[in-house]
Amino acid sequence: MNNSMEENLEYIGLWVTKDGYIRHELLSNYRYDEARGNKNHAYQGSYKIRGNYIDYKDDTGFTADGEFRDGVLYHAGMILYKQVK
């Protein structure tokens, strides 16, 4: 079962690796936009959140997943932290 948008609010926003190279922006319309280094919009697609788990499907059909633990996103061997404005 997918979380409601209200339950997903804590996850919506920009998630960044410590070195800033990988940046995942989780948008409120269940889309994401990933930047890598100087390449903005490197990957785009949709996502679903179930509890603390996220499933990604990029627009080419590639799928991946991740897990939120203690305010950190663990995804494909990467560790991403939510960017606070």
Protein backbone atom coordinates (compact mmCIF):
# COMPACT_ATOMS: atom_id res chain seq x y z
CA MET A 1 0.00 0.00 0.00
CA ASN A 2 1.28 3.48 -0.86
CA ASN A 3 1.52 6.19 1.74
CA SER A 4 -0.79 9.18 1.39
CA MET A 5 0.75 12.45 0.25
CA GLU A 6 0.49 13.76 3.81
CA GLU A 7 2.52 10.77 5.03
CA ASN A 8 5.12 11.39 2.29
CA LEU A 9 5.69 15.07 3.14
CA GLU A 10 8.79 14.29 5.19
CA TYR A 11 10.34 12.60 2.15
CA ILE A 12 9.52 15.24 -0.47
CA GLY A 13 12.44 17.50 -1.28
CA LEU A 14 16.08 17.32 -2.28
CA TRP A 15 18.28 14.41 -1.16
CA VAL A 16 22.03 14.77 -1.70
CA THR A 17 25.12 12.59 -1.25
CA LYS A 18 27.71 13.94 1.17
CA ASP A 19 29.95 15.09 -1.70
CA GLY A 20 26.97 16.71 -3.50
CA TYR A 21 27.56 14.69 -6.67
CA ILE A 22 24.21 12.85 -6.69
CA ARG A 23 21.03 14.83 -6.08
CA HIS A 24 17.54 13.30 -6.03
CA GLU A 25 14.63 15.70 -5.98
CA LEU A 26 11.46 13.92 -4.88
CA LEU A 27 8.54 15.98 -6.14
CA SER A 28 5.05 16.06 -4.67
CA ASN A 29 3.52 14.66 -7.89
CA TYR A 30 5.31 11.30 -7.35
CA ARG A 31 8.01 12.18 -9.89
CA TYR A 32 11.72 12.50 -9.27
CA ASP A 33 14.55 14.31 -11.01
CA GLU A 34 18.12 13.10 -10.47
CA ALA A 35 21.21 15.20 -11.15
CA ARG A 36 24.76 13.81 -11.31
CA GLY A 37 27.69 16.19 -11.09
CA ASN A 38 27.20 18.97 -13.63
CA LYS A 39 24.48 17.04 -15.46
CA ASN A 40 21.06 18.24 -14.37
CA HIS A 41 18.11 15.98 -15.23
CA ALA A 42 20.37 12.93 -15.69
CA TYR A 43 17.46 10.64 -14.79
CA GLN A 44 13.78 11.32 -14.36
CA GLY A 45 10.88 9.09 -13.51
CA SER A 46 8.27 8.16 -10.96
CA TYR A 47 8.47 6.85 -7.42
CA LYS A 48 6.25 5.11 -4.88
CA ILE A 49 6.73 5.11 -1.14
CA ARG A 50 5.52 2.23 1.02
CA GLY A 51 6.27 2.80 4.68
CA ASN A 52 10.02 3.57 4.77
CA TYR A 53 10.73 2.06 1.33
CA ILE A 54 10.92 3.84 -1.99
CA ASP A 55 10.65 2.28 -5.45
CA TYR A 56 11.95 4.23 -8.44
CA LYS A 57 11.09 3.70 -12.09
CA ASP A 58 12.88 5.96 -14.51
CA ASP A 59 11.35 7.01 -17.80
CA THR A 60 13.39 4.38 -19.69
CA GLY A 61 11.92 1.57 -17.56
CA PHE A 62 14.91 1.01 -15.25
CA THR A 63 13.88 0.27 -11.66
CA ALA A 64 15.64 0.70 -8.33
CA ASP A 65 14.72 0.94 -4.68
CA GLY A 66 15.84 2.45 -1.43
CA GLU A 67 15.07 2.76 2.24
CA PHE A 68 14.67 5.72 4.57
CA ARG A 69 16.24 5.10 7.98
CA ASP A 70 16.66 7.74 10.68
CA GLY A 71 16.26 10.61 8.21
CA VAL A 72 18.76 9.16 5.72
CA LEU A 73 18.02 7.66 2.28
CA TYR A 74 19.96 4.51 1.41
CA HIS A 75 19.74 3.88 -2.34
CA ALA A 76 21.83 1.67 -4.64
CA GLY A 77 24.91 1.78 -2.41
CA MET A 78 24.59 5.53 -1.93
CA ILE A 79 23.74 7.47 1.21
CA LEU A 80 21.70 10.63 0.66
CA TYR A 81 20.81 13.31 3.19
CA LYS A 82 17.84 15.64 2.97
CA GLN A 83 18.87 19.14 2.02
CA VAL A 84 17.51 21.63 4.51
CA LYS A 85 16.89 25.17 3.30
